[in-house]
Amino acid sequence: MPERHYDVAVVGGGTAGSVAALQAAREGARTLLVERSSSLGGTLTAAAVSAPGVFHAWGRHIIAGIGWGLVERCVRETG
């Protein structure tokens, strides 16, 4: 097997790990994401956590970035 080199290695494909790996790759880093289970998302998917975070508070949108983008995409695709 050929030797591979990575700039960033993320261990754990839960919510934080997946977002960290995605952002590193978007910034151009050669990124490796290692997850021991068969799916990404950690407790968000494995334990069916339906409210991963609060994106609005005090009547305004306070959290954006990759997490918000994933929420928007899920809503678009699943309603």
PDB file of N, CA and C in Angstrom:
ATOM      1  N   MET A   1       0.849  -1.175   0.000  1.00  0.00           N
ATOM      2  CA  MET A   1       0.000   0.000   0.000  1.00  0.00           C
ATOM      3  C   MET A   1       0.899   1.245   0.000  1.00  0.00           C
ATOM      4  N   PRO A   2       0.578   2.232  -0.824  1.00  0.00           N
ATOM      5  CA  PRO A   2       1.410   3.439  -0.871  1.00  0.00           C
ATOM      6  C   PRO A   2       1.309   4.243   0.428  1.00  0.00           C
ATOM      7  N   GLU A   3       2.392   4.896   0.771  1.00  0.00           N
ATOM      8  CA  GLU A   3       2.415   5.743   1.957  1.00  0.00           C
ATOM      9  C   GLU A   3       1.571   6.982   1.708  1.00  0.00           C
ATOM     10  N   ARG A   4       0.798   7.376   2.715  1.00  0.00           N
ATOM     11  CA  ARG A   4      -0.050   8.561   2.582  1.00  0.00           C
ATOM     12  C   ARG A   4       0.326   9.561   3.650  1.00  0.00           C
ATOM     13  N   HIS A   5       0.236  10.817   3.298  1.00  0.00           N
ATOM     14  CA  HIS A   5       0.550  11.899   4.233  1.00  0.00           C
ATOM     15  C   HIS A   5      -0.648  12.822   4.353  1.00  0.00           C
ATOM     16  N   TYR A   6      -0.927  13.236   5.578  1.00  0.00           N
ATOM     17  CA  TYR A   6      -2.040  14.127   5.850  1.00  0.00           C
ATOM     18  C   TYR A   6      -1.549  15.332   6.639  1.00  0.00           C
ATOM     19  N   ASP A   7      -2.195  16.450   6.424  1.00  0.00           N
ATOM     20  CA  ASP A   7      -1.911  17.653   7.209  1.00  0.00           C
ATOM     21  C   ASP A   7      -2.668  17.622   8.528  1.00  0.00           C
ATOM     22  N   VAL A   8      -3.875  17.041   8.488  1.00  0.00           N
ATOM     23  CA  VAL A   8      -4.761  17.014   9.652  1.00  0.00           C
ATOM     24  C   VAL A   8      -5.360  15.617   9.771  1.00  0.00           C
ATOM     25  N   ALA A   9      -5.353  15.069  10.985  1.00  0.00           N
ATOM     26  CA  ALA A   9      -6.050  13.820  11.272  1.00  0.00           C
ATOM     27  C   ALA A   9      -7.069  14.112  12.367  1.00  0.00           C
ATOM     28  N   VAL A  10      -8.311  13.778  12.111  1.00  0.00           N
ATOM     29  CA  VAL A  10      -9.381  13.977  13.085  1.00  0.00           C
ATOM     30  C   VAL A  10      -9.853  12.592  13.511  1.00  0.00           C
ATOM     31  N   VAL A  11      -9.829  12.338  14.806  1.00  0.00           N
ATOM     32  CA  VAL A  11     -10.270  11.057  15.345  1.00  0.00           C
ATOM     33  C   VAL A  11     -11.651  11.254  15.953  1.00  0.00           C
ATOM     34  N   GLY A  12     -12.614  10.599  15.366  1.00  0.00           N
ATOM     35  CA  GLY A  12     -13.993  10.710  15.830  1.00  0.00           C
ATOM     36  C   GLY A  12     -14.837  11.488  14.851  1.00  0.00           C
ATOM     37  N   GLY A  13     -15.824  10.832  14.284  1.00  0.00           N
ATOM     38  CA  GLY A  13     -16.693  11.463  13.297  1.00  0.00           C
ATOM     39  C   GLY A  13     -18.018  11.906  13.869  1.00  0.00           C
ATOM     40  N   GLY A  14     -18.007  12.299  15.137  1.00  0.00           N
ATOM     41  CA  GLY A  14     -19.222  12.881  15.718  1.00  0.00           C
ATOM     42  C   GLY A  14     -19.464  14.247  15.098  1.00  0.00           C
ATOM     43  N   THR A  15     -20.372  14.975  15.662  1.00  0.00           N
ATOM     44  CA  THR A  15     -20.715  16.281  15.116  1.00  0.00           C
ATOM     45  C   THR A  15     -19.491  17.189  15.032  1.00  0.00           C
ATOM     46  N   ALA A  16     -18.755  17.324  16.122  1.00  0.00           N
ATOM     47  CA  ALA A  16     -17.587  18.214  16.141  1.00  0.00           C
ATOM     48  C   ALA A  16     -16.482  17.714  15.225  1.00  0.00           C
ATOM     49  N   GLY A  17     -16.206  16.405  15.254  1.00  0.00           N
ATOM     50  CA  GLY A  17     -15.150  15.849  14.417  1.00  0.00           C
ATOM     51  C   GLY A  17     -15.457  15.979  12.935  1.00  0.00           C
ATOM     52  N   SER A  18     -16.690  15.714  12.556  1.00  0.00           N
ATOM     53  CA  SER A  18     -17.083  15.835  11.150  1.00  0.00           C
ATOM     54  C   SER A  18     -16.937  17.268  10.659  1.00  0.00           C
ATOM     55  N   VAL A  19     -17.371  18.212  11.461  1.00  0.00           N
ATOM     56  CA  VAL A  19     -17.277  19.620  11.086  1.00  0.00           C
ATOM     57  C   VAL A  19     -15.816  20.059  11.034  1.00  0.00           C
ATOM     58  N   ALA A  20     -15.003  19.613  11.988  1.00  0.00           N
ATOM     59  CA  ALA A  20     -13.581  19.964  11.988  1.00  0.00           C
ATOM     60  C   ALA A  20     -12.888  19.432  10.734  1.00  0.00           C
ATOM     61  N   ALA A  21     -13.172  18.191  10.372  1.00  0.00           N
ATOM     62  CA  ALA A  21     -12.570  17.603   9.179  1.00  0.00           C
ATOM     63  C   ALA A  21     -13.035  18.322   7.915  1.00  0.00           C
ATOM     64  N   LEU A  22     -14.296  18.627   7.844  1.00  0.00           N
ATOM     65  CA  LEU A  22     -14.838  19.333   6.684  1.00  0.00           C
ATOM     66  C   LEU A  22     -14.199  20.702   6.527  1.00  0.00           C
ATOM     67  N   GLN A  23     -14.085  21.446   7.622  1.00  0.00           N
ATOM     68  CA  GLN A  23     -13.483  22.779   7.545  1.00  0.00           C
ATOM     69  C   GLN A  23     -12.011  22.703   7.163  1.00  0.00           C
ATOM     70  N   ALA A  24     -11.285  21.739   7.713  1.00  0.00           N
ATOM     71  CA  ALA A  24      -9.871  21.582   7.367  1.00  0.00           C
ATOM     72  C   ALA A  24      -9.717  21.290   5.873  1.00  0.00           C
ATOM     73  N   ALA A  25     -10.559  20.406   5.358  1.00  0.00           N
ATOM     74  CA  ALA A  25     -10.502  20.086   3.931  1.00  0.00           C
ATOM     75  C   ALA A  25     -10.876  21.289   3.071  1.00  0.00           C
ATOM     76  N   ARG A  26     -11.875  22.041   3.492  1.00  0.00           N
ATOM     77  CA  ARG A  26     -12.267  23.250   2.752  1.00  0.00           C
ATOM     78  C   ARG A  26     -11.130  24.272   2.693  1.00  0.00           C
ATOM     79  N   GLU A  27     -10.286  24.276   3.731  1.00  0.00           N
ATOM     80  CA  GLU A  27      -9.151  25.199   3.772  1.00  0.00           C
ATOM     81  C   GLU A  27      -7.948  24.668   3.009  1.00  0.00           C
ATOM     82  N   GLY A  28      -8.094  23.483   2.429  1.00  0.00           N
ATOM     83  CA  GLY A  28      -7.024  22.934   1.592  1.00  0.00           C
ATOM     84  C   GLY A  28      -6.112  21.928   2.262  1.00  0.00           C
ATOM     85  N   ALA A  29      -6.379  21.579   3.510  1.00  0.00           N
ATOM     86  CA  ALA A  29      -5.550  20.600   4.206  1.00  0.00           C
ATOM     87  C   ALA A  29      -5.892  19.191   3.733  1.00  0.00           C
ATOM     88  N   ARG A  30      -4.866  18.382   3.562  1.00  0.00           N
ATOM     89  CA  ARG A  30      -5.097  16.959   3.277  1.00  0.00           C
ATOM     90  C   ARG A  30      -5.571  16.350   4.587  1.00  0.00           C
ATOM     91  N   THR A  31      -6.810  15.903   4.596  1.00  0.00           N
ATOM     92  CA  THR A  31      -7.490  15.578   5.847  1.00  0.00           C
ATOM     93  C   THR A  31      -7.888  14.112   5.905  1.00  0.00           C
ATOM     94  N   LEU A  32      -7.635  13.510   7.067  1.00  0.00           N
ATOM     95  CA  LEU A  32      -8.055  12.142   7.344  1.00  0.00           C
ATOM     96  C   LEU A  32      -9.050  12.182   8.490  1.00  0.00           C
ATOM     97  N   LEU A  33     -10.208  11.573   8.293  1.00  0.00           N
ATOM     98  CA  LEU A  33     -11.221  11.458   9.345  1.00  0.00           C
ATOM     99  C   LEU A  33     -11.352   9.979   9.681  1.00  0.00           C
ATOM    100  N   VAL A  34     -11.149   9.634  10.949  1.00  0.00           N
ATOM    101  CA  VAL A  34     -11.214   8.245  11.400  1.00  0.00           C
ATOM    102  C   VAL A  34     -12.417   8.094  12.332  1.00  0.00           C
ATOM    103  N   GLU A  35     -13.298   7.159  12.003  1.00  0.00           N
ATOM    104  CA  GLU A  35     -14.488   6.902  12.822  1.00  0.00           C
ATOM    105  C   GLU A  35     -14.615   5.393  13.010  1.00  0.00           C
ATOM    106  N   ARG A  36     -14.845   4.959  14.231  1.00  0.00           N
ATOM    107  CA  ARG A  36     -14.900   3.525  14.508  1.00  0.00           C
ATOM    108  C   ARG A  36     -16.229   2.868  14.157  1.00  0.00           C
ATOM    109  N   SER A  37     -17.286   3.643  14.095  1.00  0.00           N
ATOM    110  CA  SER A  37     -18.587   3.047  13.772  1.00  0.00           C
ATOM    111  C   SER A  37     -18.859   3.152  12.272  1.00  0.00           C
ATOM    112  N   SER A  38     -20.012   2.677  11.891  1.00  0.00           N
ATOM    113  CA  SER A  38     -20.342   2.634  10.464  1.00  0.00           C
ATOM    114  C   SER A  38     -21.016   3.902   9.952  1.00  0.00           C
ATOM    115  N   SER A  39     -21.197   4.893  10.831  1.00  0.00           N
ATOM    116  CA  SER A  39     -21.832   6.130  10.379  1.00  0.00           C
ATOM    117  C   SER A  39     -21.250   7.326  11.114  1.00  0.00           C
ATOM    118  N   LEU A  40     -21.371   8.476  10.492  1.00  0.00           N
ATOM    119  CA  LEU A  40     -20.924   9.721  11.104  1.00  0.00           C
ATOM    120  C   LEU A  40     -22.051  10.337  11.918  1.00  0.00           C
ATOM    121  N   GLY A  41     -21.711  11.238  12.810  1.00  0.00           N
ATOM    122  CA  GLY A  41     -22.724  11.979  13.546  1.00  0.00           C
ATOM    123  C   GLY A  41     -22.734  11.748  15.041  1.00  0.00           C
ATOM    124  N   GLY A  42     -22.054  10.715  15.522  1.00  0.00           N
ATOM    125  CA  GLY A  42     -21.996  10.472  16.962  1.00  0.00           C
ATOM    126  C   GLY A  42     -23.371  10.321  17.573  1.00  0.00           C
ATOM    127  N   THR A  43     -23.585  10.946  18.736  1.00  0.00           N
ATOM    128  CA  THR A  43     -24.876  10.814  19.414  1.00  0.00           C
ATOM    129  C   THR A  43     -26.017  11.447  18.630  1.00  0.00           C
ATOM    130  N   LEU A  44     -25.674  12.360  17.745  1.00  0.00           N
ATOM    131  CA  LEU A  44     -26.716  12.983  16.927  1.00  0.00           C
ATOM    132  C   LEU A  44     -27.444  11.930  16.094  1.00  0.00           C
ATOM    133  N   THR A  45     -26.700  10.948  15.588  1.00  0.00           N
ATOM    134  CA  THR A  45     -27.322   9.889  14.789  1.00  0.00           C
ATOM    135  C   THR A  45     -27.525   8.611  15.588  1.00  0.00           C
ATOM    136  N   ALA A  46     -26.527   8.180  16.356  1.00  0.00           N
ATOM    137  CA  ALA A  46     -26.611   6.908  17.073  1.00  0.00           C
ATOM    138  C   ALA A  46     -27.645   6.932  18.190  1.00  0.00           C
ATOM    139  N   ALA A  47     -27.817   8.057  18.856  1.00  0.00           N
ATOM    140  CA  ALA A  47     -28.772   8.147  19.963  1.00  0.00           C
ATOM    141  C   ALA A  47     -30.020   8.942  19.591  1.00  0.00           C
ATOM    142  N   ALA A  48     -30.136   9.290  18.310  1.00  0.00           N
ATOM    143  CA  ALA A  48     -31.312  10.004  17.799  1.00  0.00           C
ATOM    144  C   ALA A  48     -31.564  11.319  18.531  1.00  0.00           C
ATOM    145  N   VAL A  49     -30.508  12.056  18.792  1.00  0.00           N
ATOM    146  CA  VAL A  49     -30.651  13.372  19.408  1.00  0.00           C
ATOM    147  C   VAL A  49     -31.248  14.297  18.362  1.00  0.00           C
ATOM    148  N   SER A  50     -32.424  14.832  18.623  1.00  0.00           N
ATOM    149  CA  SER A  50     -33.123  15.604  17.594  1.00  0.00           C
ATOM    150  C   SER A  50     -32.894  17.104  17.678  1.00  0.00           C
ATOM    151  N   ALA A  51     -32.288  17.573  18.734  1.00  0.00           N
ATOM    152  CA  ALA A  51     -32.051  19.009  18.879  1.00  0.00           C
ATOM    153  C   ALA A  51     -30.562  19.234  19.171  1.00  0.00           C
ATOM    154  N   PRO A  52     -29.722  19.233  18.129  1.00  0.00           N
ATOM    155  CA  PRO A  52     -28.279  19.284  18.355  1.00  0.00           C
ATOM    156  C   PRO A  52     -27.764  20.601  18.909  1.00  0.00           C
ATOM    157  N   GLY A  53     -28.523  21.638  18.817  1.00  0.00           N
ATOM    158  CA  GLY A  53     -28.040  22.913  19.330  1.00  0.00           C
ATOM    159  C   GLY A  53     -29.045  24.013  19.076  1.00  0.00           C
ATOM    160  N   VAL A  54     -28.747  25.150  19.605  1.00  0.00           N
ATOM    161  CA  VAL A  54     -29.610  26.303  19.433  1.00  0.00           C
ATOM    162  C   VAL A  54     -28.935  27.257  18.462  1.00  0.00           C
ATOM    163  N   PHE A  55     -29.615  27.609  17.399  1.00  0.00           N
ATOM    164  CA  PHE A  55     -29.056  28.520  16.410  1.00  0.00           C
ATOM    165  C   PHE A  55     -29.627  29.923  16.536  1.00  0.00           C
ATOM    166  N   HIS A  56     -30.689  30.056  17.329  1.00  0.00           N
ATOM    167  CA  HIS A  56     -31.323  31.356  17.522  1.00  0.00           C
ATOM    168  C   HIS A  56     -31.475  31.643  19.014  1.00  0.00           C
ATOM    169  N   ALA A  57     -31.264  32.852  19.397  1.00  0.00           N
ATOM    170  CA  ALA A  57     -31.488  33.272  20.783  1.00  0.00           C
ATOM    171  C   ALA A  57     -31.789  34.754  20.792  1.00  0.00           C
ATOM    172  N   TRP A  58     -32.571  35.172  21.748  1.00  0.00           N
ATOM    173  CA  TRP A  58     -32.928  36.581  21.887  1.00  0.00           C
ATOM    174  C   TRP A  58     -33.474  37.168  20.582  1.00  0.00           C
ATOM    175  N   GLY A  59     -34.211  36.313  19.840  1.00  0.00           N
ATOM    176  CA  GLY A  59     -34.847  36.774  18.617  1.00  0.00           C
ATOM    177  C   GLY A  59     -33.921  36.976  17.423  1.00  0.00           C
ATOM    178  N   ARG A  60     -32.687  36.488  17.504  1.00  0.00           N
ATOM    179  CA  ARG A  60     -31.787  36.640  16.353  1.00  0.00           C
ATOM    180  C   ARG A  60     -30.949  35.383  16.134  1.00  0.00           C
ATOM    181  N   HIS A  61     -30.479  35.263  14.936  1.00  0.00           N
ATOM    182  CA  HIS A  61     -29.661  34.125  14.523  1.00  0.00           C
ATOM    183  C   HIS A  61     -28.255  34.318  15.099  1.00  0.00           C
ATOM    184  N   ILE A  62     -27.787  33.381  15.953  1.00  0.00           N
ATOM    185  CA  ILE A  62     -26.505  33.586  16.623  1.00  0.00           C
ATOM    186  C   ILE A  62     -25.422  32.593  16.225  1.00  0.00           C
ATOM    187  N   ILE A  63     -25.785  31.471  15.610  1.00  0.00           N
ATOM    188  CA  ILE A  63     -24.795  30.473  15.202  1.00  0.00           C
ATOM    189  C   ILE A  63     -24.972  30.195  13.723  1.00  0.00           C
ATOM    190  N   ALA A  64     -23.860  30.201  12.994  1.00  0.00           N
ATOM    191  CA  ALA A  64     -23.911  29.949  11.548  1.00  0.00           C
ATOM    192  C   ALA A  64     -22.845  28.914  11.197  1.00  0.00           C
ATOM    193  N   GLY A  65     -22.184  29.112  10.094  1.00  0.00           N
ATOM    194  CA  GLY A  65     -21.089  28.229   9.706  1.00  0.00           C
ATOM    195  C   GLY A  65     -21.565  26.899   9.164  1.00  0.00           C
ATOM    196  N   ILE A  66     -20.680  25.909   9.271  1.00  0.00           N
ATOM    197  CA  ILE A  66     -20.957  24.586   8.717  1.00  0.00           C
ATOM    198  C   ILE A  66     -22.174  23.948   9.371  1.00  0.00           C
ATOM    199  N   GLY A  67     -22.299  24.063  10.689  1.00  0.00           N
ATOM    200  CA  GLY A  67     -23.445  23.464  11.379  1.00  0.00           C
ATOM    201  C   GLY A  67     -24.767  23.977  10.857  1.00  0.00           C
ATOM    202  N   TRP A  68     -24.857  25.279  10.678  1.00  0.00           N
ATOM    203  CA  TRP A  68     -26.091  25.866  10.153  1.00  0.00           C
ATOM    204  C   TRP A  68     -26.319  25.435   8.706  1.00  0.00           C
ATOM    205  N   GLY A  69     -25.252  25.360   7.943  1.00  0.00           N
ATOM    206  CA  GLY A  69     -25.367  24.900   6.555  1.00  0.00           C
ATOM    207  C   GLY A  69     -25.919  23.487   6.473  1.00  0.00           C
ATOM    208  N   LEU A  70     -25.493  22.620   7.403  1.00  0.00           N
ATOM    209  CA  LEU A  70     -26.014  21.253   7.427  1.00  0.00           C
ATOM    210  C   LEU A  70     -27.490  21.236   7.790  1.00  0.00           C
ATOM    211  N   VAL A  71     -27.892  22.073   8.730  1.00  0.00           N
ATOM    212  CA  VAL A  71     -29.311  22.165   9.093  1.00  0.00           C
ATOM    213  C   VAL A  71     -30.126  22.623   7.891  1.00  0.00           C
ATOM    214  N   GLU A  72     -29.673  23.666   7.212  1.00  0.00           N
ATOM    215  CA  GLU A  72     -30.393  24.174   6.034  1.00  0.00           C
ATOM    216  C   GLU A  72     -30.529  23.097   4.957  1.00  0.00           C
ATOM    217  N   ARG A  73     -29.446  22.366   4.724  1.00  0.00           N
ATOM    218  CA  ARG A  73     -29.492  21.325   3.694  1.00  0.00           C
ATOM    219  C   ARG A  73     -30.461  20.211   4.075  1.00  0.00           C
ATOM    220  N   CYS A  74     -30.437  19.803   5.343  1.00  0.00           N
ATOM    221  CA  CYS A  74     -31.368  18.760   5.788  1.00  0.00           C
ATOM    222  C   CYS A  74     -32.818  19.205   5.623  1.00  0.00           C
ATOM    223  N   VAL A  75     -33.099  20.435   5.971  1.00  0.00           N
ATOM    224  CA  VAL A  75     -34.468  20.961   5.820  1.00  0.00           C
ATOM    225  C   VAL A  75     -34.867  20.989   4.352  1.00  0.00           C
ATOM    226  N   ARG A  76     -33.951  21.440   3.480  1.00  0.00           N
ATOM    227  CA  ARG A  76     -34.243  21.463   2.041  1.00  0.00           C
ATOM    228  C   ARG A  76     -34.542  20.070   1.514  1.00  0.00           C
ATOM    229  N   GLU A  77     -33.745  19.087   1.946  1.00  0.00           N
ATOM    230  CA  GLU A  77     -33.872  17.731   1.399  1.00  0.00           C
ATOM    231  C   GLU A  77     -34.998  16.914   2.017  1.00  0.00           C
ATOM    232  N   THR A  78     -35.331  17.210   3.269  1.00  0.00           N
ATOM    233  CA  THR A  78     -36.331  16.375   3.933  1.00  0.00           C
ATOM    234  C   THR A  78     -37.578  17.131   4.372  1.00  0.00           C
ATOM    235  N   GLY A  79     -37.521  18.454   4.296  1.00  0.00           N
ATOM    236  CA  GLY A  79     -38.674  19.247   4.702  1.00  0.00           C
ATOM    237  C   GLY A  79     -38.731  19.385   6.196  1.00  0.00           C
TER     238      GLY A  79
END
